[in-house]
Structures are given as C-alpha cells and as structure tokens.
Amino acid sequence: MEEKKKRSYSAPALEKGFEILELLAEVQEPMSLAKISTTLERSKSEIYRMISALEHRGYLSKNEGSDSYHITNKLFDLGMKVPPVGTLVEAAFPVMHKLSADIKQSCHIAVANQQRMVVIARVQSPGIVGLSVRVGHHLDLYKTGSGRVLLSYMPEKARADSLNMFEKTDNDFNRDECEELIGRILSKGHARSQSPIVSGLIDLSFPIFLGKTKEVIACITVPYIVEKGISLSLSETESYVREAAAELSELAQTYSGF
C-alpha cells in the first residue's frame, strides 16, 4: 500500500474546532467544557478558546441554566445550501405541489436535526384559506406531529437517548405520555395530532422512508384546515398524504436520502 503523503499545511486551531463539533455530533447529547476536554484529551484552556469561538459564530449553544454545549442548526443550514441537497428538495416539489392541489391544503417536509425537527421544504395551499410553516422552523421532536413521527422511527438507542435528554433539559416533558404517543404512531404508521402552534388545527404526519428500507429520513405533514365546501375529510386527506409519502420514499432512495 502506498504510504499516505504528509500534509503540507496544518491548522491546529481549526482541527480542534472540528474535533469538538464531531464529538458533539457523535454523542448526540450536550457536554460540559470539562467533559469535552477530558474526552478529547486536551487542556481546558485550549478547548475553552475553541468553544468560545464556535459559540460566538453560532455553531454551539447552551440551554438556559445549563453549562453544557450542543450543536445548533447552523451546520444544517449551511448543508442545505449545498447543491446536491437543494436538488433533492427541488425534486420533491412536484410531489408536494400535486398533493396540495389534490387536497387543497398546504404541506411541508421536515427532518430530524439532533433532538429537533427542522422544516426543509413547504408548499402553500392553493385554496383561499391555508396555513404554511416557514422553511427553517424548528422545535423539539416531541412537540410536533412531524417530530413525533421522526422520533418514533429512530433506532431504539437514539430514541432513548433523545427521551433521556428531554427529561434532563425540559421540565414540561412527560416521558410516559410521549412513549404512549410513540406506540400509537408505530401502530398506525402515522400521526394525527393537534397543532402545537394553532388551536383547532390538526397535523397529519407520515414518515418518508429511504426507499424500501425501514429507515425514516424525513416526514411530510399537512396542517389540516376545514374550508367549507372545499376540504376533503380527514380520512380522505390522509390517504392522499400516505400516497405522497410513499412516492417521496422512492424518490429519497434515488437521491440516497434528504
């Protein structure tokens, strides 16, 4: 085997920053300065400088009242600007536009970013009345229909880690209630839930699989609004959303995911 060439240049500070980001992405839970320093076997002073810089630039953040750091959505936002991802999202729009035209409702696609769901694409309703969620909107996974679907289909360990984190960081989190909802979602294959944002609105959320696999890589949601004389029933709307989710699953396989 040919000996690997030595790098001509090095950037120690930059590499330390990458080490911190990669560590937090791998463990998928907030970590204190001391724990990061110990894990990376680097001094607290050098890690502190890197963390301060990353926090200042918006790549790391701390929850209120906590000394532990977690990765923000900034890396995700940067990734969304890369052409291959943009192309994939664009490829999903015809399916989303057809769905909205058929059901006279808006729809959006969300993905999981650590313990949060993030909206990456939306199509507004062609009807007179409609509600659409802006791209980039994000909330804790357990707080929305989209997030609960993404949480439900996570690998068992990743889901347990997320639930453990919510217990530690959110006093309003009810684990028993959340696990009951997850059970119902896995049983039905989708979620029908009250919107956490608009009173009386029902979110219909379906998983988007990576082709024929059991891996869920996104979720499509319709914020269902009743418009007299126009709206389909909930059951009819769900059947259309289910078909769109299946079509998007095939599309996701072509592009190897969202």
C-alpha atoms as a PDB file:
ATOM      1  CA  MET A   1       0.000   0.000   0.000  1.00  0.00           C
ATOM      2  CA  GLU A   2       1.319   3.419  -0.942  1.00  0.00           C
ATOM      3  CA  GLU A   3       2.401   5.410   2.089  1.00  0.00           C
ATOM      4  CA  LYS A   4      -0.010   8.253   2.859  1.00  0.00           C
ATOM      5  CA  LYS A   5       1.501  11.604   1.957  1.00  0.00           C
ATOM      6  CA  LYS A   6       2.119  14.046   4.746  1.00  0.00           C
ATOM      7  CA  ARG A   7       0.040  17.186   4.669  1.00  0.00           C
ATOM      8  CA  SER A   8       1.892  20.285   3.536  1.00  0.00           C
ATOM      9  CA  TYR A   9      -0.066  22.526   5.847  1.00  0.00           C
ATOM     10  CA  SER A  10      -1.828  22.183   9.175  1.00  0.00           C
ATOM     11  CA  ALA A  11      -4.307  24.336  11.094  1.00  0.00           C
ATOM     12  CA  PRO A  12      -4.320  23.112  14.715  1.00  0.00           C
ATOM     13  CA  ALA A  13      -6.987  25.575  15.870  1.00  0.00           C
ATOM     14  CA  LEU A  14      -9.327  24.615  13.045  1.00  0.00           C
ATOM     15  CA  GLU A  15      -8.786  20.920  13.733  1.00  0.00           C
ATOM     16  CA  LYS A  16      -9.653  21.412  17.409  1.00  0.00           C
ATOM     17  CA  GLY A  17     -12.889  23.069  16.354  1.00  0.00           C
ATOM     18  CA  PHE A  18     -13.738  20.152  14.076  1.00  0.00           C
ATOM     19  CA  GLU A  19     -12.932  17.686  16.870  1.00  0.00           C
ATOM     20  CA  ILE A  20     -15.418  19.432  19.166  1.00  0.00           C
ATOM     21  CA  LEU A  21     -18.175  19.520  16.536  1.00  0.00           C
ATOM     22  CA  GLU A  22     -17.612  15.885  15.541  1.00  0.00           C
ATOM     23  CA  LEU A  23     -17.627  14.757  19.174  1.00  0.00           C
ATOM     24  CA  LEU A  24     -20.919  16.512  19.968  1.00  0.00           C
ATOM     25  CA  ALA A  25     -22.460  15.195  16.743  1.00  0.00           C
ATOM     26  CA  GLU A  26     -21.401  11.643  17.629  1.00  0.00           C
ATOM     27  CA  VAL A  27     -22.573  11.573  21.258  1.00  0.00           C
ATOM     28  CA  GLN A  28     -25.798  13.464  20.389  1.00  0.00           C
ATOM     29  CA  GLU A  29     -26.131  14.997  23.833  1.00  0.00           C
ATOM     30  CA  PRO A  30     -24.931  18.231  25.473  1.00  0.00           C
ATOM     31  CA  MET A  31     -21.487  18.088  27.079  1.00  0.00           C
ATOM     32  CA  SER A  32     -19.747  20.356  29.580  1.00  0.00           C
ATOM     33  CA  LEU A  33     -16.405  22.017  28.914  1.00  0.00           C
ATOM     34  CA  ALA A  34     -14.728  19.650  31.376  1.00  0.00           C
ATOM     35  CA  LYS A  35     -16.212  16.554  29.737  1.00  0.00           C
ATOM     36  CA  ILE A  36     -15.257  17.708  26.237  1.00  0.00           C
ATOM     37  CA  SER A  37     -11.731  18.452  27.445  1.00  0.00           C
ATOM     38  CA  THR A  38     -11.380  15.033  29.090  1.00  0.00           C
ATOM     39  CA  THR A  39     -12.843  13.133  26.127  1.00  0.00           C
ATOM     40  CA  LEU A  40     -10.598  14.872  23.591  1.00  0.00           C
ATOM     41  CA  GLU A  41      -7.602  14.704  25.952  1.00  0.00           C
ATOM     42  CA  ARG A  42      -6.914  18.403  25.561  1.00  0.00           C
ATOM     43  CA  SER A  43      -6.469  21.133  28.163  1.00  0.00           C
ATOM     44  CA  LYS A  44      -9.477  23.112  29.325  1.00  0.00           C
ATOM     45  CA  SER A  45      -7.851  26.365  28.253  1.00  0.00           C
ATOM     46  CA  GLU A  46      -7.411  25.386  24.600  1.00  0.00           C
ATOM     47  CA  ILE A  47     -10.875  23.808  24.452  1.00  0.00           C
ATOM     48  CA  TYR A  48     -12.400  26.887  26.082  1.00  0.00           C
ATOM     49  CA  ARG A  49     -10.980  29.142  23.358  1.00  0.00           C
ATOM     50  CA  MET A  50     -12.368  26.942  20.616  1.00  0.00           C
ATOM     51  CA  ILE A  51     -15.788  26.619  22.256  1.00  0.00           C
ATOM     52  CA  SER A  52     -15.989  30.376  22.763  1.00  0.00           C
ATOM     53  CA  ALA A  53     -15.251  30.937  19.084  1.00  0.00           C
ATOM     54  CA  LEU A  54     -17.790  28.315  17.957  1.00  0.00           C
ATOM     55  CA  GLU A  55     -20.422  29.737  20.296  1.00  0.00           C
ATOM     56  CA  HIS A  56     -19.733  33.267  19.056  1.00  0.00           C
ATOM     57  CA  ARG A  57     -20.171  32.101  15.441  1.00  0.00           C
ATOM     58  CA  GLY A  58     -23.427  30.350  16.288  1.00  0.00           C
ATOM     59  CA  TYR A  59     -22.300  26.735  15.844  1.00  0.00           C
ATOM     60  CA  LEU A  60     -22.627  25.866  19.532  1.00  0.00           C
ATOM     61  CA  SER A  61     -25.113  26.935  22.172  1.00  0.00           C
ATOM     62  CA  LYS A  62     -26.086  26.296  25.791  1.00  0.00           C
ATOM     63  CA  ASN A  63     -29.585  25.785  27.135  1.00  0.00           C
ATOM     64  CA  GLU A  64     -30.664  28.381  29.664  1.00  0.00           C
ATOM     65  CA  GLY A  65     -29.366  27.488  33.120  1.00  0.00           C
ATOM     66  CA  SER A  66     -27.027  24.804  31.763  1.00  0.00           C
ATOM     67  CA  ASP A  67     -23.232  24.679  31.396  1.00  0.00           C
ATOM     68  CA  SER A  68     -23.379  22.021  28.670  1.00  0.00           C
ATOM     69  CA  TYR A  69     -22.948  22.754  24.972  1.00  0.00           C
ATOM     70  CA  HIS A  70     -24.832  21.359  21.988  1.00  0.00           C
ATOM     71  CA  ILE A  71     -24.630  21.867  18.232  1.00  0.00           C
ATOM     72  CA  THR A  72     -27.080  24.396  16.789  1.00  0.00           C
ATOM     73  CA  ASN A  73     -28.876  24.266  13.434  1.00  0.00           C
ATOM     74  CA  LYS A  74     -26.237  26.427  11.725  1.00  0.00           C
ATOM     75  CA  LEU A  75     -24.342  23.461  10.268  1.00  0.00           C
ATOM     76  CA  PHE A  76     -27.641  22.092   8.962  1.00  0.00           C
ATOM     77  CA  ASP A  77     -28.465  25.456   7.388  1.00  0.00           C
ATOM     78  CA  LEU A  78     -25.085  25.506   5.661  1.00  0.00           C
ATOM     79  CA  GLY A  79     -25.595  21.970   4.412  1.00  0.00           C
ATOM     80  CA  MET A  80     -28.944  22.921   2.915  1.00  0.00           C
ATOM     81  CA  LYS A  81     -27.139  25.398   0.664  1.00  0.00           C
ATOM     82  CA  VAL A  82     -25.047  22.655  -0.947  1.00  0.00           C
ATOM     83  CA  PRO A  83     -26.380  21.958  -4.478  1.00  0.00           C
ATOM     84  CA  PRO A  84     -26.965  18.153  -4.168  1.00  0.00           C
ATOM     85  CA  VAL A  85     -29.312  18.680  -1.201  1.00  0.00           C
ATOM     86  CA  GLY A  86     -31.035  21.576  -2.890  1.00  0.00           C
ATOM     87  CA  THR A  87     -31.541  19.437  -5.993  1.00  0.00           C
ATOM     88  CA  LEU A  88     -33.164  16.695  -3.938  1.00  0.00           C
ATOM     89  CA  VAL A  89     -35.549  19.113  -2.245  1.00  0.00           C
ATOM     90  CA  GLU A  90     -36.408  20.596  -5.633  1.00  0.00           C
ATOM     91  CA  ALA A  91     -37.126  17.098  -6.937  1.00  0.00           C
ATOM     92  CA  ALA A  92     -39.684  16.635  -4.141  1.00  0.00           C
ATOM     93  CA  PHE A  93     -41.628  19.776  -5.020  1.00  0.00           C
ATOM     94  CA  PRO A  94     -43.698  18.271  -7.895  1.00  0.00           C
ATOM     95  CA  VAL A  95     -45.000  15.603  -5.496  1.00  0.00           C
ATOM     96  CA  MET A  96     -45.775  18.225  -2.877  1.00  0.00           C
ATOM     97  CA  HIS A  97     -47.489  20.557  -5.367  1.00  0.00           C
ATOM     98  CA  LYS A  98     -49.667  17.715  -6.647  1.00  0.00           C
ATOM     99  CA  LEU A  99     -50.606  16.739  -3.113  1.00  0.00           C
ATOM    100  CA  SER A 100     -51.584  20.312  -2.237  1.00  0.00           C
ATOM    101  CA  ALA A 101     -53.609  20.643  -5.431  1.00  0.00           C
ATOM    102  CA  ASP A 102     -55.470  17.375  -4.740  1.00  0.00           C
ATOM    103  CA  ILE A 103     -56.333  18.123  -1.111  1.00  0.00           C
ATOM    104  CA  LYS A 104     -56.457  21.970  -1.203  1.00  0.00           C
ATOM    105  CA  GLN A 105     -54.116  22.110   1.812  1.00  0.00           C
ATOM    106  CA  SER A 106     -50.524  23.191   2.389  1.00  0.00           C
ATOM    107  CA  CYS A 107     -47.799  20.646   3.197  1.00  0.00           C
ATOM    108  CA  HIS A 108     -44.217  20.608   4.379  1.00  0.00           C
ATOM    109  CA  ILE A 109     -41.287  18.222   4.802  1.00  0.00           C
ATOM    110  CA  ALA A 110     -39.242  18.090   7.999  1.00  0.00           C
ATOM    111  CA  VAL A 111     -36.111  16.210   9.019  1.00  0.00           C
ATOM    112  CA  ALA A 112     -34.512  15.487  12.393  1.00  0.00           C
ATOM    113  CA  ASN A 113     -31.536  17.574  13.429  1.00  0.00           C
ATOM    114  CA  GLN A 114     -30.323  16.037  16.678  1.00  0.00           C
ATOM    115  CA  GLN A 115     -33.289  16.407  19.093  1.00  0.00           C
ATOM    116  CA  ARG A 116     -35.197  18.868  16.904  1.00  0.00           C
ATOM    117  CA  MET A 117     -37.320  18.696  13.802  1.00  0.00           C
ATOM    118  CA  VAL A 118     -36.497  21.247  11.086  1.00  0.00           C
ATOM    119  CA  VAL A 119     -38.718  22.175   8.131  1.00  0.00           C
ATOM    120  CA  ILE A 120     -36.724  21.951   4.874  1.00  0.00           C
ATOM    121  CA  ALA A 121     -39.457  22.448   2.239  1.00  0.00           C
ATOM    122  CA  ARG A 122     -43.042  23.705   2.026  1.00  0.00           C
ATOM    123  CA  VAL A 123     -45.829  24.240  -0.483  1.00  0.00           C
ATOM    124  CA  GLN A 124     -48.673  26.638   0.226  1.00  0.00           C
ATOM    125  CA  SER A 125     -52.324  25.736  -0.145  1.00  0.00           C
ATOM    126  CA  PRO A 126     -53.989  26.562  -3.484  1.00  0.00           C
ATOM    127  CA  GLY A 127     -57.234  27.237  -1.597  1.00  0.00           C
ATOM    128  CA  ILE A 128     -58.483  30.574  -0.300  1.00  0.00           C
ATOM    129  CA  VAL A 129     -57.506  29.716   3.269  1.00  0.00           C
ATOM    130  CA  GLY A 130     -54.351  27.881   4.274  1.00  0.00           C
ATOM    131  CA  LEU A 131     -51.568  27.697   6.786  1.00  0.00           C
ATOM    132  CA  SER A 132     -47.951  27.033   5.871  1.00  0.00           C
ATOM    133  CA  VAL A 133     -44.891  26.664   8.075  1.00  0.00           C
ATOM    134  CA  ARG A 134     -41.788  28.606   7.108  1.00  0.00           C
ATOM    135  CA  VAL A 135     -38.660  26.767   5.990  1.00  0.00           C
ATOM    136  CA  GLY A 136     -36.169  26.612   8.854  1.00  0.00           C
ATOM    137  CA  HIS A 137     -38.853  26.429  11.554  1.00  0.00           C
ATOM    138  CA  HIS A 138     -37.698  24.045  14.288  1.00  0.00           C
ATOM    139  CA  LEU A 139     -38.980  22.640  17.575  1.00  0.00           C
ATOM    140  CA  ASP A 140     -38.078  19.807  19.934  1.00  0.00           C
ATOM    141  CA  LEU A 141     -39.051  16.492  18.348  1.00  0.00           C
ATOM    142  CA  TYR A 142     -41.667  15.582  20.943  1.00  0.00           C
ATOM    143  CA  LYS A 143     -43.605  18.844  20.496  1.00  0.00           C
ATOM    144  CA  THR A 144     -44.913  18.392  16.935  1.00  0.00           C
ATOM    145  CA  GLY A 145     -46.574  15.748  14.785  1.00  0.00           C
ATOM    146  CA  SER A 146     -43.601  15.743  12.408  1.00  0.00           C
ATOM    147  CA  GLY A 147     -41.141  15.469  15.253  1.00  0.00           C
ATOM    148  CA  ARG A 148     -43.026  12.659  16.967  1.00  0.00           C
ATOM    149  CA  VAL A 149     -43.028  10.633  13.762  1.00  0.00           C
ATOM    150  CA  LEU A 150     -39.284  11.190  13.324  1.00  0.00           C
ATOM    151  CA  LEU A 151     -38.715  10.322  16.987  1.00  0.00           C
ATOM    152  CA  SER A 152     -40.880   7.195  16.759  1.00  0.00           C
ATOM    153  CA  TYR A 153     -38.920   5.713  13.862  1.00  0.00           C
ATOM    154  CA  MET A 154     -35.463   6.455  15.265  1.00  0.00           C
ATOM    155  CA  PRO A 155     -33.232   3.490  16.111  1.00  0.00           C
ATOM    156  CA  GLU A 156     -34.111   2.362  19.635  1.00  0.00           C
ATOM    157  CA  LYS A 157     -30.923   3.659  21.274  1.00  0.00           C
ATOM    158  CA  ALA A 158     -31.081   7.045  19.554  1.00  0.00           C
ATOM    159  CA  ARG A 159     -34.722   7.414  20.586  1.00  0.00           C
ATOM    160  CA  ALA A 160     -33.931   6.508  24.198  1.00  0.00           C
ATOM    161  CA  ASP A 161     -31.042   8.990  24.237  1.00  0.00           C
ATOM    162  CA  SER A 162     -33.365  11.719  22.949  1.00  0.00           C
ATOM    163  CA  LEU A 163     -36.002  10.948  25.576  1.00  0.00           C
ATOM    164  CA  ASN A 164     -33.329  10.980  28.287  1.00  0.00           C
ATOM    165  CA  MET A 165     -32.150  14.381  27.118  1.00  0.00           C
ATOM    166  CA  PHE A 166     -35.681  15.827  27.117  1.00  0.00           C
ATOM    167  CA  GLU A 167     -36.112  14.586  30.689  1.00  0.00           C
ATOM    168  CA  LYS A 168     -32.928  16.344  31.755  1.00  0.00           C
ATOM    169  CA  THR A 169     -33.462  19.645  29.942  1.00  0.00           C
ATOM    170  CA  ASP A 170     -37.233  20.238  29.806  1.00  0.00           C
ATOM    171  CA  ASN A 171     -39.388  20.302  32.926  1.00  0.00           C
ATOM    172  CA  ASP A 172     -42.557  20.195  30.793  1.00  0.00           C
ATOM    173  CA  PHE A 173     -41.602  16.895  29.161  1.00  0.00           C
ATOM    174  CA  ASN A 174     -43.824  13.936  30.116  1.00  0.00           C
ATOM    175  CA  ARG A 175     -41.999  10.741  29.179  1.00  0.00           C
ATOM    176  CA  ASP A 176     -44.903   8.348  29.811  1.00  0.00           C
ATOM    177  CA  GLU A 177     -47.200  10.427  27.618  1.00  0.00           C
ATOM    178  CA  CYS A 178     -44.569  10.677  24.891  1.00  0.00           C
ATOM    179  CA  GLU A 179     -43.882   6.931  24.870  1.00  0.00           C
ATOM    180  CA  GLU A 180     -47.620   6.274  24.648  1.00  0.00           C
ATOM    181  CA  LEU A 181     -47.837   8.559  21.598  1.00  0.00           C
ATOM    182  CA  ILE A 182     -44.849   6.809  20.028  1.00  0.00           C
ATOM    183  CA  GLY A 183     -46.576   3.447  20.476  1.00  0.00           C
ATOM    184  CA  ARG A 184     -49.711   4.709  18.735  1.00  0.00           C
ATOM    185  CA  ILE A 185     -47.712   6.197  15.861  1.00  0.00           C
ATOM    186  CA  LEU A 186     -45.794   2.969  15.278  1.00  0.00           C
ATOM    187  CA  SER A 187     -49.060   1.026  15.401  1.00  0.00           C
ATOM    188  CA  LYS A 188     -50.881   3.271  12.910  1.00  0.00           C
ATOM    189  CA  GLY A 189     -47.895   4.189  10.775  1.00  0.00           C
ATOM    190  CA  HIS A 190     -48.573   7.923  11.011  1.00  0.00           C
ATOM    191  CA  ALA A 191     -49.615  10.693  13.396  1.00  0.00           C
ATOM    192  CA  ARG A 192     -52.842  12.674  13.635  1.00  0.00           C
ATOM    193  CA  SER A 193     -52.314  15.334  16.294  1.00  0.00           C
ATOM    194  CA  GLN A 194     -53.389  18.763  17.450  1.00  0.00           C
ATOM    195  CA  SER A 195     -51.077  21.502  16.209  1.00  0.00           C
ATOM    196  CA  PRO A 196     -48.813  22.934  18.940  1.00  0.00           C
ATOM    197  CA  ILE A 197     -48.982  26.317  17.213  1.00  0.00           C
ATOM    198  CA  VAL A 198     -52.569  26.902  16.041  1.00  0.00           C
ATOM    199  CA  SER A 199     -55.560  25.958  18.204  1.00  0.00           C
ATOM    200  CA  GLY A 200     -58.020  23.650  16.431  1.00  0.00           C
ATOM    201  CA  LEU A 201     -55.579  22.745  13.653  1.00  0.00           C
ATOM    202  CA  ILE A 202     -54.819  19.064  13.044  1.00  0.00           C
ATOM    203  CA  ASP A 203     -51.425  17.941  11.763  1.00  0.00           C
ATOM    204  CA  LEU A 204     -51.381  14.820   9.583  1.00  0.00           C
ATOM    205  CA  SER A 205     -47.817  13.468   9.528  1.00  0.00           C
ATOM    206  CA  PHE A 206     -46.434  10.484   7.597  1.00  0.00           C
ATOM    207  CA  PRO A 207     -42.895   9.041   7.580  1.00  0.00           C
ATOM    208  CA  ILE A 208     -40.738   9.157   4.464  1.00  0.00           C
ATOM    209  CA  PHE A 209     -38.594   6.042   4.250  1.00  0.00           C
ATOM    210  CA  LEU A 210     -35.315   5.562   2.429  1.00  0.00           C
ATOM    211  CA  GLY A 211     -36.820   3.521  -0.381  1.00  0.00           C
ATOM    212  CA  LYS A 212     -37.954   0.058   0.740  1.00  0.00           C
ATOM    213  CA  THR A 213     -35.876   0.137   3.914  1.00  0.00           C
ATOM    214  CA  LYS A 214     -37.188   0.729   7.428  1.00  0.00           C
ATOM    215  CA  GLU A 215     -35.031   3.832   7.809  1.00  0.00           C
ATOM    216  CA  VAL A 216     -37.089   7.020   8.103  1.00  0.00           C
ATOM    217  CA  ILE A 217     -35.204  10.042   6.806  1.00  0.00           C
ATOM    218  CA  ALA A 218     -37.939  12.697   6.753  1.00  0.00           C
ATOM    219  CA  CYS A 219     -41.611  13.347   7.419  1.00  0.00           C
ATOM    220  CA  ILE A 220     -44.330  15.001   5.356  1.00  0.00           C
ATOM    221  CA  THR A 221     -47.036  16.901   7.229  1.00  0.00           C
ATOM    222  CA  VAL A 222     -50.307  18.542   6.225  1.00  0.00           C
ATOM    223  CA  PRO A 223     -51.672  21.199   8.624  1.00  0.00           C
ATOM    224  CA  TYR A 224     -55.322  20.268   8.034  1.00  0.00           C
ATOM    225  CA  ILE A 225     -57.805  23.166   7.899  1.00  0.00           C
ATOM    226  CA  VAL A 226     -61.524  22.782   7.208  1.00  0.00           C
ATOM    227  CA  GLU A 227     -62.672  25.123   4.433  1.00  0.00           C
ATOM    228  CA  LYS A 228     -66.415  24.788   3.862  1.00  0.00           C
ATOM    229  CA  GLY A 229     -67.378  23.229   0.544  1.00  0.00           C
ATOM    230  CA  ILE A 230     -63.762  22.559  -0.423  1.00  0.00           C
ATOM    231  CA  SER A 231     -61.949  20.427   2.141  1.00  0.00           C
ATOM    232  CA  LEU A 232     -61.829  16.664   1.902  1.00  0.00           C
ATOM    233  CA  SER A 233     -62.491  14.646   5.042  1.00  0.00           C
ATOM    234  CA  LEU A 234     -59.627  13.799   7.373  1.00  0.00           C
ATOM    235  CA  SER A 235     -59.619  10.167   6.212  1.00  0.00           C
ATOM    236  CA  GLU A 236     -59.636  11.134   2.535  1.00  0.00           C
ATOM    237  CA  THR A 237     -56.834  13.623   3.111  1.00  0.00           C
ATOM    238  CA  GLU A 238     -54.777  11.030   4.971  1.00  0.00           C
ATOM    239  CA  SER A 239     -54.995   8.631   2.035  1.00  0.00           C
ATOM    240  CA  TYR A 240     -53.539  11.280  -0.289  1.00  0.00           C
ATOM    241  CA  VAL A 241     -50.755  12.121   2.165  1.00  0.00           C
ATOM    242  CA  ARG A 242     -49.944   8.429   2.546  1.00  0.00           C
ATOM    243  CA  GLU A 243     -49.574   8.072  -1.247  1.00  0.00           C
ATOM    244  CA  ALA A 244     -47.354  11.158  -1.412  1.00  0.00           C
ATOM    245  CA  ALA A 245     -45.161   9.813   1.402  1.00  0.00           C
ATOM    246  CA  ALA A 246     -44.730   6.536  -0.486  1.00  0.00           C
ATOM    247  CA  GLU A 247     -43.762   8.406  -3.650  1.00  0.00           C
ATOM    248  CA  LEU A 248     -41.286  10.554  -1.728  1.00  0.00           C
ATOM    249  CA  SER A 249     -39.801   7.401  -0.177  1.00  0.00           C
ATOM    250  CA  GLU A 250     -38.980   6.105  -3.662  1.00  0.00           C
ATOM    251  CA  LEU A 251     -37.558   9.495  -4.590  1.00  0.00           C
ATOM    252  CA  ALA A 252     -35.388   9.521  -1.455  1.00  0.00           C
ATOM    253  CA  GLN A 253     -33.832   6.214  -2.468  1.00  0.00           C
ATOM    254  CA  THR A 254     -32.823   7.669  -5.831  1.00  0.00           C
ATOM    255  CA  TYR A 255     -31.005  10.512  -4.109  1.00  0.00           C
ATOM    256  CA  SER A 256     -29.795   8.430  -1.120  1.00  0.00           C
ATOM    257  CA  GLY A 257     -31.836  10.452   1.359  1.00  0.00           C
ATOM    258  CA  PHE A 258     -32.864  14.020   2.109  1.00  0.00           C
END
